[in-house]
Amino acid sequence: MEHDSSRSGYHEPKPEQVGREENDWENEDLHDDDLRPIVVNLIWAQARSTDGREGAIGVGGGMPWYLPEDLKHFKSLTISHPVIMGRKTWESLSEKRRPLPNRDNIVISSNPQYRASGATVVDSMEAALDLARQESIPDDGIERNELWVIGGGQVFADALPYAHRVFVTDIDAEVAADVFAPDIEQLVRDGQWRRVSETGWMQPKQVSPKIKAIAKLGTVHANQAQHTAGGTTSETQDPQPVAIRGYRFVDYERTDPQSVRQAMI
């Protein structure tokens, strides 16, 4: 794995303590951070594809919508925690916004030569989870009892066996898409997962002309992807921002916590 020198600290596994007497455990502080269980969360926003498939999360290396309420929700949940993502998700972030601030950024890439300035690069989901739980020296203020996987589609699929909870922003819109999240609702129907909370449908706030321009740019990518895939939208047409009719936040958890695959112990 590659440790980027631009980070404020470096990860180092704590040395194993050997030869502890049975009496030593009697005075152990069971609320110490090192003993708290590690929770793995997945988080994504999804809409429907133009052919009606649920779970559309991206197209052409980005998201074909701009929803400030979802970005605020994402930030409030992931701030001060490690975030794990694939190379394409990392590259979809604007250069001025990466690494994501106040979070330990970990990027998965199969290319051993890949570099991500400000992040740590590893070659597998297991390596990412193991690294994310290790304390940084010196302390960087990151809370490592809760790890967040933020995309993309294959990374979500690889992380799902280790996940305890999934946080989804449902967006009521139809978009061109070439990347999809796991079908969490099918897992609910199969009895493996369950909904634990959901908001009602909410209306997006009216956005400024600047944000509309950003949304329009996102639609350009969507239209180009649809055109490349043989769709009817022409790249020369004046694209319209994705029409978001509403959104809601839905949280899921496993029905059997013991079914979580253990990759970090």
C-alpha atoms as a PDB file:
ATOM      1  CA  MET A   1       0.000   0.000   0.000  1.00  0.00           C
ATOM      2  CA  GLU A   2       1.081   3.559  -0.614  1.00  0.00           C
ATOM      3  CA  HIS A   3       1.258   6.050   2.271  1.00  0.00           C
ATOM      4  CA  ASP A   4       1.079   9.591   0.957  1.00  0.00           C
ATOM      5  CA  SER A   5       3.666  11.885   2.519  1.00  0.00           C
ATOM      6  CA  SER A   6       1.307  14.854   2.428  1.00  0.00           C
ATOM      7  CA  ARG A   7      -0.806  13.438   5.228  1.00  0.00           C
ATOM      8  CA  SER A   8      -0.525  14.822   8.711  1.00  0.00           C
ATOM      9  CA  GLY A   9       0.419  11.493  10.221  1.00  0.00           C
ATOM     10  CA  TYR A  10       0.941   7.893   9.386  1.00  0.00           C
ATOM     11  CA  HIS A  11      -0.826   4.696  10.351  1.00  0.00           C
ATOM     12  CA  GLU A  12       1.032   2.259  12.504  1.00  0.00           C
ATOM     13  CA  PRO A  13      -0.513  -0.852  14.022  1.00  0.00           C
ATOM     14  CA  LYS A  14      -0.309  -0.800  17.783  1.00  0.00           C
ATOM     15  CA  PRO A  15       2.203  -3.344  19.123  1.00  0.00           C
ATOM     16  CA  GLU A  16       0.644  -6.517  20.413  1.00  0.00           C
ATOM     17  CA  GLN A  17       0.656  -6.814  24.177  1.00  0.00           C
ATOM     18  CA  VAL A  18       2.039 -10.154  25.246  1.00  0.00           C
ATOM     19  CA  GLY A  19       1.763 -12.025  28.500  1.00  0.00           C
ATOM     20  CA  ARG A  20      -1.122 -10.159  30.134  1.00  0.00           C
ATOM     21  CA  GLU A  21      -2.215 -11.780  33.340  1.00  0.00           C
ATOM     22  CA  GLU A  22      -5.857 -12.713  33.847  1.00  0.00           C
ATOM     23  CA  ASN A  23      -6.104 -10.155  36.678  1.00  0.00           C
ATOM     24  CA  ASP A  24      -5.071  -7.398  34.276  1.00  0.00           C
ATOM     25  CA  TRP A  25      -8.435  -7.612  32.545  1.00  0.00           C
ATOM     26  CA  GLU A  26     -10.367  -6.923  35.753  1.00  0.00           C
ATOM     27  CA  ASN A  27      -9.356  -3.268  35.676  1.00  0.00           C
ATOM     28  CA  GLU A  28      -9.762  -2.901  31.912  1.00  0.00           C
ATOM     29  CA  ASP A  29     -11.794   0.123  30.843  1.00  0.00           C
ATOM     30  CA  LEU A  30     -14.379  -1.476  28.590  1.00  0.00           C
ATOM     31  CA  HIS A  31     -15.332   1.932  27.227  1.00  0.00           C
ATOM     32  CA  ASP A  32     -11.878   2.637  25.872  1.00  0.00           C
ATOM     33  CA  ASP A  33     -11.893   3.649  22.201  1.00  0.00           C
ATOM     34  CA  ASP A  34      -9.728   0.683  21.235  1.00  0.00           C
ATOM     35  CA  LEU A  35     -12.388  -1.723  22.505  1.00  0.00           C
ATOM     36  CA  ARG A  36     -15.386  -0.163  20.804  1.00  0.00           C
ATOM     37  CA  PRO A  37     -16.759  -2.230  17.917  1.00  0.00           C
ATOM     38  CA  ILE A  38     -15.882  -1.076  14.421  1.00  0.00           C
ATOM     39  CA  VAL A  39     -18.954  -0.224  12.336  1.00  0.00           C
ATOM     40  CA  VAL A  40     -18.812  -0.161   8.541  1.00  0.00           C
ATOM     41  CA  ASN A  41     -21.372   2.071   6.806  1.00  0.00           C
ATOM     42  CA  LEU A  42     -22.153   2.494   3.116  1.00  0.00           C
ATOM     43  CA  ILE A  43     -23.605   5.765   1.833  1.00  0.00           C
ATOM     44  CA  TRP A  44     -24.895   6.744  -1.588  1.00  0.00           C
ATOM     45  CA  ALA A  45     -27.531   8.773  -3.436  1.00  0.00           C
ATOM     46  CA  GLN A  46     -29.554   7.030  -6.113  1.00  0.00           C
ATOM     47  CA  ALA A  47     -32.173   7.770  -8.756  1.00  0.00           C
ATOM     48  CA  ARG A  48     -33.766   5.716 -11.532  1.00  0.00           C
ATOM     49  CA  SER A  49     -32.162   5.170 -14.901  1.00  0.00           C
ATOM     50  CA  THR A  50     -34.021   6.235 -18.024  1.00  0.00           C
ATOM     51  CA  ASP A  51     -34.895   2.574 -18.660  1.00  0.00           C
ATOM     52  CA  GLY A  52     -36.491   2.269 -15.222  1.00  0.00           C
ATOM     53  CA  ARG A  53     -33.723   0.543 -13.256  1.00  0.00           C
ATOM     54  CA  GLU A  54     -33.430   1.602  -9.625  1.00  0.00           C
ATOM     55  CA  GLY A  55     -30.120   2.358  -7.939  1.00  0.00           C
ATOM     56  CA  ALA A  56     -28.583   4.653 -10.566  1.00  0.00           C
ATOM     57  CA  ILE A  57     -25.641   6.426  -8.923  1.00  0.00           C
ATOM     58  CA  GLY A  58     -23.452   7.746 -11.726  1.00  0.00           C
ATOM     59  CA  VAL A  59     -22.713   8.283 -15.385  1.00  0.00           C
ATOM     60  CA  GLY A  60     -19.588   9.240 -17.277  1.00  0.00           C
ATOM     61  CA  GLY A  61     -17.505   9.383 -14.095  1.00  0.00           C
ATOM     62  CA  GLY A  62     -19.840  11.711 -12.179  1.00  0.00           C
ATOM     63  CA  MET A  63     -23.357  12.260 -10.858  1.00  0.00           C
ATOM     64  CA  PRO A  64     -25.995  13.585 -13.266  1.00  0.00           C
ATOM     65  CA  TRP A  65     -27.643  15.752 -10.613  1.00  0.00           C
ATOM     66  CA  TYR A  66     -26.748  18.363  -8.042  1.00  0.00           C
ATOM     67  CA  LEU A  67     -28.641  18.194  -4.745  1.00  0.00           C
ATOM     68  CA  PRO A  68     -27.152  20.435  -2.017  1.00  0.00           C
ATOM     69  CA  GLU A  69     -29.320  18.829   0.672  1.00  0.00           C
ATOM     70  CA  ASP A  70     -27.763  15.454  -0.061  1.00  0.00           C
ATOM     71  CA  LEU A  71     -24.231  16.895   0.038  1.00  0.00           C
ATOM     72  CA  LYS A  72     -24.924  18.412   3.471  1.00  0.00           C
ATOM     73  CA  HIS A  73     -26.333  15.086   4.673  1.00  0.00           C
ATOM     74  CA  PHE A  74     -23.251  13.261   3.365  1.00  0.00           C
ATOM     75  CA  LYS A  75     -20.893  15.688   5.081  1.00  0.00           C
ATOM     76  CA  SER A  76     -22.710  15.576   8.417  1.00  0.00           C
ATOM     77  CA  LEU A  77     -22.440  11.778   8.554  1.00  0.00           C
ATOM     78  CA  THR A  78     -18.903  11.251   7.266  1.00  0.00           C
ATOM     79  CA  ILE A  79     -17.068  14.196   8.844  1.00  0.00           C
ATOM     80  CA  SER A  80     -14.276  13.168  11.253  1.00  0.00           C
ATOM     81  CA  HIS A  81     -14.326   9.551  10.025  1.00  0.00           C
ATOM     82  CA  PRO A  82     -12.322   7.544   7.488  1.00  0.00           C
ATOM     83  CA  VAL A  83     -13.848   7.427   3.994  1.00  0.00           C
ATOM     84  CA  ILE A  84     -13.070   4.612   1.561  1.00  0.00           C
ATOM     85  CA  MET A  85     -13.562   4.981  -2.171  1.00  0.00           C
ATOM     86  CA  GLY A  86     -12.467   3.597  -5.512  1.00  0.00           C
ATOM     87  CA  ARG A  87     -10.153   5.351  -7.934  1.00  0.00           C
ATOM     88  CA  LYS A  88     -12.968   6.581 -10.163  1.00  0.00           C
ATOM     89  CA  THR A  89     -14.813   8.119  -7.234  1.00  0.00           C
ATOM     90  CA  TRP A  90     -11.621   9.852  -6.130  1.00  0.00           C
ATOM     91  CA  GLU A  91     -11.051  11.228  -9.613  1.00  0.00           C
ATOM     92  CA  SER A  92     -14.667  12.415  -9.846  1.00  0.00           C
ATOM     93  CA  LEU A  93     -14.010  14.839  -6.983  1.00  0.00           C
ATOM     94  CA  SER A  94     -12.858  18.257  -8.098  1.00  0.00           C
ATOM     95  CA  GLU A  95      -9.163  18.829  -7.440  1.00  0.00           C
ATOM     96  CA  LYS A  96      -9.879  21.653  -5.017  1.00  0.00           C
ATOM     97  CA  ARG A  97     -12.150  19.372  -2.958  1.00  0.00           C
ATOM     98  CA  ARG A  98      -9.883  16.391  -2.623  1.00  0.00           C
ATOM     99  CA  PRO A  99      -8.954  14.981  -0.308  1.00  0.00           C
ATOM    100  CA  LEU A 100     -12.291  15.412   1.443  1.00  0.00           C
ATOM    101  CA  PRO A 101     -11.425  17.635   4.411  1.00  0.00           C
ATOM    102  CA  ASN A 102     -11.490  16.449   8.022  1.00  0.00           C
ATOM    103  CA  ARG A 103     -11.710  12.840   6.898  1.00  0.00           C
ATOM    104  CA  ASP A 104      -9.089  10.137   6.386  1.00  0.00           C
ATOM    105  CA  ASN A 105      -9.255   9.497   2.629  1.00  0.00           C
ATOM    106  CA  ILE A 106      -8.434   5.951   1.506  1.00  0.00           C
ATOM    107  CA  VAL A 107      -8.473   5.037  -2.193  1.00  0.00           C
ATOM    108  CA  ILE A 108      -8.628   1.515  -3.616  1.00  0.00           C
ATOM    109  CA  SER A 109      -6.769   0.870  -6.865  1.00  0.00           C
ATOM    110  CA  SER A 110      -5.413  -2.275  -8.460  1.00  0.00           C
ATOM    111  CA  ASN A 111      -2.621  -0.214 -10.039  1.00  0.00           C
ATOM    112  CA  PRO A 112       0.422  -0.418  -7.726  1.00  0.00           C
ATOM    113  CA  GLN A 113       1.809   2.776  -9.275  1.00  0.00           C
ATOM    114  CA  TYR A 114      -1.316   4.853  -8.641  1.00  0.00           C
ATOM    115  CA  ARG A 115      -0.903   7.960  -6.494  1.00  0.00           C
ATOM    116  CA  ALA A 116      -3.597  10.092  -4.864  1.00  0.00           C
ATOM    117  CA  SER A 117      -2.159  13.206  -3.266  1.00  0.00           C
ATOM    118  CA  GLY A 118      -3.555  13.660   0.229  1.00  0.00           C
ATOM    119  CA  ALA A 119      -4.925  10.110   0.429  1.00  0.00           C
ATOM    120  CA  THR A 120      -3.586   6.640   1.099  1.00  0.00           C
ATOM    121  CA  VAL A 121      -3.807   4.103  -1.724  1.00  0.00           C
ATOM    122  CA  VAL A 122      -4.398   0.395  -1.067  1.00  0.00           C
ATOM    123  CA  ASP A 123      -5.115  -2.511  -3.382  1.00  0.00           C
ATOM    124  CA  SER A 124      -8.194  -4.166  -1.849  1.00  0.00           C
ATOM    125  CA  MET A 125     -11.276  -3.622   0.284  1.00  0.00           C
ATOM    126  CA  GLU A 126      -9.803  -5.761   3.060  1.00  0.00           C
ATOM    127  CA  ALA A 127      -6.639  -3.633   3.129  1.00  0.00           C
ATOM    128  CA  ALA A 128      -8.729  -0.444   3.171  1.00  0.00           C
ATOM    129  CA  LEU A 129     -10.839  -1.591   6.120  1.00  0.00           C
ATOM    130  CA  ASP A 130      -7.791  -2.759   8.036  1.00  0.00           C
ATOM    131  CA  LEU A 131      -5.980   0.530   7.449  1.00  0.00           C
ATOM    132  CA  ALA A 132      -8.991   2.695   8.270  1.00  0.00           C
ATOM    133  CA  ARG A 133      -9.329   1.259  11.785  1.00  0.00           C
ATOM    134  CA  GLN A 134      -5.700   1.879  12.747  1.00  0.00           C
ATOM    135  CA  GLU A 135      -4.958   4.954  14.831  1.00  0.00           C
ATOM    136  CA  SER A 136      -2.790   7.622  13.256  1.00  0.00           C
ATOM    137  CA  ILE A 137       0.473   8.728  14.868  1.00  0.00           C
ATOM    138  CA  PRO A 138       0.359  11.538  15.820  1.00  0.00           C
ATOM    139  CA  ASP A 139      -3.365  11.643  16.582  1.00  0.00           C
ATOM    140  CA  ASP A 140      -5.248  13.262  13.688  1.00  0.00           C
ATOM    141  CA  GLY A 141      -8.599  13.573  15.476  1.00  0.00           C
ATOM    142  CA  ILE A 142     -10.306  11.017  13.216  1.00  0.00           C
ATOM    143  CA  GLU A 143     -12.857   8.736  14.897  1.00  0.00           C
ATOM    144  CA  ARG A 144     -12.058   5.252  13.644  1.00  0.00           C
ATOM    145  CA  ASN A 145     -14.840   3.281  15.293  1.00  0.00           C
ATOM    146  CA  GLU A 146     -17.056   4.168  12.307  1.00  0.00           C
ATOM    147  CA  LEU A 147     -15.861   3.685   8.714  1.00  0.00           C
ATOM    148  CA  TRP A 148     -17.664   5.027   5.638  1.00  0.00           C
ATOM    149  CA  VAL A 149     -17.568   3.529   2.140  1.00  0.00           C
ATOM    150  CA  ILE A 150     -18.584   6.193  -0.406  1.00  0.00           C
ATOM    151  CA  GLY A 151     -18.368   4.556  -3.849  1.00  0.00           C
ATOM    152  CA  GLY A 152     -18.446   3.607  -6.589  1.00  0.00           C
ATOM    153  CA  GLY A 153     -20.595   0.692  -7.675  1.00  0.00           C
ATOM    154  CA  GLN A 154     -18.007  -2.106  -7.527  1.00  0.00           C
ATOM    155  CA  VAL A 155     -16.585  -0.791  -4.266  1.00  0.00           C
ATOM    156  CA  PHE A 156     -20.090  -0.850  -2.745  1.00  0.00           C
ATOM    157  CA  ALA A 157     -20.533  -4.449  -3.910  1.00  0.00           C
ATOM    158  CA  ASP A 158     -17.170  -5.435  -2.420  1.00  0.00           C
ATOM    159  CA  ALA A 159     -17.929  -3.667   0.878  1.00  0.00           C
ATOM    160  CA  LEU A 160     -21.487  -4.923   1.347  1.00  0.00           C
ATOM    161  CA  PRO A 161     -20.504  -8.218   3.065  1.00  0.00           C
ATOM    162  CA  TYR A 162     -18.671  -6.162   5.736  1.00  0.00           C
ATOM    163  CA  ALA A 163     -21.371  -3.510   6.140  1.00  0.00           C
ATOM    164  CA  HIS A 164     -23.501  -2.993   9.234  1.00  0.00           C
ATOM    165  CA  ARG A 165     -25.633  -0.137   7.906  1.00  0.00           C
ATOM    166  CA  VAL A 166     -26.484   1.529   4.601  1.00  0.00           C
ATOM    167  CA  PHE A 167     -27.554   5.165   4.242  1.00  0.00           C
ATOM    168  CA  VAL A 168     -29.372   5.993   1.003  1.00  0.00           C
ATOM    169  CA  THR A 169     -30.642   9.253  -0.422  1.00  0.00           C
ATOM    170  CA  ASP A 170     -33.522   8.333  -2.720  1.00  0.00           C
ATOM    171  CA  ILE A 171     -33.912  10.872  -5.515  1.00  0.00           C
ATOM    172  CA  ASP A 172     -37.146  10.976  -7.492  1.00  0.00           C
ATOM    173  CA  ALA A 173     -35.713  11.535 -10.967  1.00  0.00           C
ATOM    174  CA  GLU A 174     -34.852   9.663 -14.163  1.00  0.00           C
ATOM    175  CA  VAL A 175     -31.260   9.924 -15.365  1.00  0.00           C
ATOM    176  CA  ALA A 176     -28.876   8.343 -17.832  1.00  0.00           C
ATOM    177  CA  ALA A 177     -26.665   5.979 -15.841  1.00  0.00           C
ATOM    178  CA  ASP A 178     -23.850   3.501 -16.262  1.00  0.00           C
ATOM    179  CA  VAL A 179     -23.088   2.798 -12.580  1.00  0.00           C
ATOM    180  CA  PHE A 180     -25.517   1.240 -10.103  1.00  0.00           C
ATOM    181  CA  ALA A 181     -25.566   0.589  -6.366  1.00  0.00           C
ATOM    182  CA  PRO A 182     -26.437  -2.801  -4.866  1.00  0.00           C
ATOM    183  CA  ASP A 183     -30.180  -3.505  -4.870  1.00  0.00           C
ATOM    184  CA  ILE A 184     -30.750  -2.861  -1.170  1.00  0.00           C
ATOM    185  CA  GLU A 185     -34.538  -3.178  -1.482  1.00  0.00           C
ATOM    186  CA  GLN A 186     -34.143  -6.703  -2.894  1.00  0.00           C
ATOM    187  CA  LEU A 187     -32.037  -7.557   0.156  1.00  0.00           C
ATOM    188  CA  VAL A 188     -34.880  -6.224   2.319  1.00  0.00           C
ATOM    189  CA  ARG A 189     -37.369  -8.436   0.479  1.00  0.00           C
ATOM    190  CA  ASP A 190     -35.004 -11.388   0.967  1.00  0.00           C
ATOM    191  CA  GLY A 191     -34.973 -10.716   4.719  1.00  0.00           C
ATOM    192  CA  GLN A 192     -31.252  -9.995   4.919  1.00  0.00           C
ATOM    193  CA  TRP A 193     -31.653  -6.263   5.572  1.00  0.00           C
ATOM    194  CA  ARG A 194     -34.398  -4.050   6.990  1.00  0.00           C
ATOM    195  CA  ARG A 195     -35.314  -0.395   6.987  1.00  0.00           C
ATOM    196  CA  VAL A 196     -34.715   1.268  10.331  1.00  0.00           C
ATOM    197  CA  SER A 197     -35.694   4.837   9.497  1.00  0.00           C
ATOM    198  CA  GLU A 198     -36.839   6.999   6.634  1.00  0.00           C
ATOM    199  CA  THR A 199     -37.931  10.559   6.169  1.00  0.00           C
ATOM    200  CA  GLY A 200     -40.918  11.590   4.148  1.00  0.00           C
ATOM    201  CA  TRP A 201     -40.407  12.874   0.627  1.00  0.00           C
ATOM    202  CA  MET A 202     -38.999  16.398   0.644  1.00  0.00           C
ATOM    203  CA  GLN A 203     -38.813  19.073  -2.017  1.00  0.00           C
ATOM    204  CA  PRO A 204     -35.393  20.435  -3.018  1.00  0.00           C
ATOM    205  CA  LYS A 205     -34.919  24.083  -2.237  1.00  0.00           C
ATOM    206  CA  GLN A 206     -34.770  26.466  -5.147  1.00  0.00           C
ATOM    207  CA  VAL A 207     -31.169  26.794  -6.260  1.00  0.00           C
ATOM    208  CA  SER A 208     -29.206  29.747  -7.566  1.00  0.00           C
ATOM    209  CA  PRO A 209     -28.346  30.273 -11.262  1.00  0.00           C
ATOM    210  CA  LYS A 210     -24.784  29.192 -10.482  1.00  0.00           C
ATOM    211  CA  ILE A 211     -25.955  25.873  -9.100  1.00  0.00           C
ATOM    212  CA  LYS A 212     -28.321  25.470 -12.031  1.00  0.00           C
ATOM    213  CA  ALA A 213     -25.303  25.854 -14.305  1.00  0.00           C
ATOM    214  CA  ILE A 214     -23.510  23.103 -12.376  1.00  0.00           C
ATOM    215  CA  ALA A 215     -26.567  20.869 -12.699  1.00  0.00           C
ATOM    216  CA  LYS A 216     -26.713  21.636 -16.397  1.00  0.00           C
ATOM    217  CA  LEU A 217     -23.048  20.660 -16.761  1.00  0.00           C
ATOM    218  CA  GLY A 218     -23.806  17.369 -15.053  1.00  0.00           C
ATOM    219  CA  THR A 219     -26.587  16.780 -17.530  1.00  0.00           C
ATOM    220  CA  VAL A 220     -24.121  17.356 -20.388  1.00  0.00           C
ATOM    221  CA  HIS A 221     -22.163  14.336 -19.168  1.00  0.00           C
ATOM    222  CA  ALA A 222     -25.375  12.339 -18.847  1.00  0.00           C
ATOM    223  CA  ASN A 223     -26.446  13.252 -22.366  1.00  0.00           C
ATOM    224  CA  GLN A 224     -23.019  12.404 -23.761  1.00  0.00           C
ATOM    225  CA  ALA A 225     -23.088   9.034 -22.034  1.00  0.00           C
ATOM    226  CA  GLN A 226     -26.576   8.345 -23.360  1.00  0.00           C
ATOM    227  CA  HIS A 227     -25.486   9.362 -26.862  1.00  0.00           C
ATOM    228  CA  THR A 228     -22.429   7.098 -26.667  1.00  0.00           C
ATOM    229  CA  ALA A 229     -24.594   4.215 -25.508  1.00  0.00           C
ATOM    230  CA  GLY A 230     -26.864   4.635 -28.513  1.00  0.00           C
ATOM    231  CA  GLY A 231     -29.543   6.766 -26.852  1.00  0.00           C
ATOM    232  CA  THR A 232     -31.638   9.335 -28.623  1.00  0.00           C
ATOM    233  CA  THR A 233     -30.209  12.459 -26.971  1.00  0.00           C
ATOM    234  CA  SER A 234     -27.779  14.366 -29.179  1.00  0.00           C
ATOM    235  CA  GLU A 235     -24.607  15.909 -27.744  1.00  0.00           C
ATOM    236  CA  THR A 236     -25.449  19.058 -29.678  1.00  0.00           C
ATOM    237  CA  GLN A 237     -28.800  19.554 -27.972  1.00  0.00           C
ATOM    238  CA  ASP A 238     -29.088  22.170 -25.267  1.00  0.00           C
ATOM    239  CA  PRO A 239     -29.350  19.964 -22.143  1.00  0.00           C
ATOM    240  CA  GLN A 240     -31.760  20.686 -19.337  1.00  0.00           C
ATOM    241  CA  PRO A 241     -30.921  20.202 -15.652  1.00  0.00           C
ATOM    242  CA  VAL A 242     -32.179  16.937 -14.201  1.00  0.00           C
ATOM    243  CA  ALA A 243     -35.684  17.449 -12.843  1.00  0.00           C
ATOM    244  CA  ILE A 244     -35.646  16.324  -9.211  1.00  0.00           C
ATOM    245  CA  ARG A 245     -39.219  15.975  -8.004  1.00  0.00           C
ATOM    246  CA  GLY A 246     -38.256  15.058  -4.451  1.00  0.00           C
ATOM    247  CA  TYR A 247     -35.822  13.217  -2.224  1.00  0.00           C
ATOM    248  CA  ARG A 248     -35.784  11.275   1.041  1.00  0.00           C
ATOM    249  CA  PHE A 249     -33.228   9.719   3.394  1.00  0.00           C
ATOM    250  CA  VAL A 250     -33.561   5.982   4.116  1.00  0.00           C
ATOM    251  CA  ASP A 251     -31.381   4.025   6.557  1.00  0.00           C
ATOM    252  CA  TYR A 252     -30.971   0.250   6.553  1.00  0.00           C
ATOM    253  CA  GLU A 253     -29.349  -2.314   8.838  1.00  0.00           C
ATOM    254  CA  ARG A 254     -28.662  -6.020   8.720  1.00  0.00           C
ATOM    255  CA  THR A 255     -31.316  -8.254  10.234  1.00  0.00           C
ATOM    256  CA  ASP A 256     -28.555 -10.491  11.611  1.00  0.00           C
ATOM    257  CA  PRO A 257     -25.508  -8.512  12.793  1.00  0.00           C
ATOM    258  CA  GLN A 258     -23.608 -11.801  13.191  1.00  0.00           C
ATOM    259  CA  SER A 259     -23.674 -12.237   9.414  1.00  0.00           C
ATOM    260  CA  VAL A 260     -21.203  -9.386   8.909  1.00  0.00           C
ATOM    261  CA  ARG A 261     -17.979 -10.701   7.434  1.00  0.00           C
ATOM    262  CA  GLN A 262     -15.048  -9.968   9.706  1.00  0.00           C
ATOM    263  CA  ALA A 263     -12.138  -8.498   7.778  1.00  0.00           C
ATOM    264  CA  MET A 264     -10.513  -6.391  10.471  1.00  0.00           C
ATOM    265  CA  ILE A 265      -9.935  -8.655  13.447  1.00  0.00           C
END
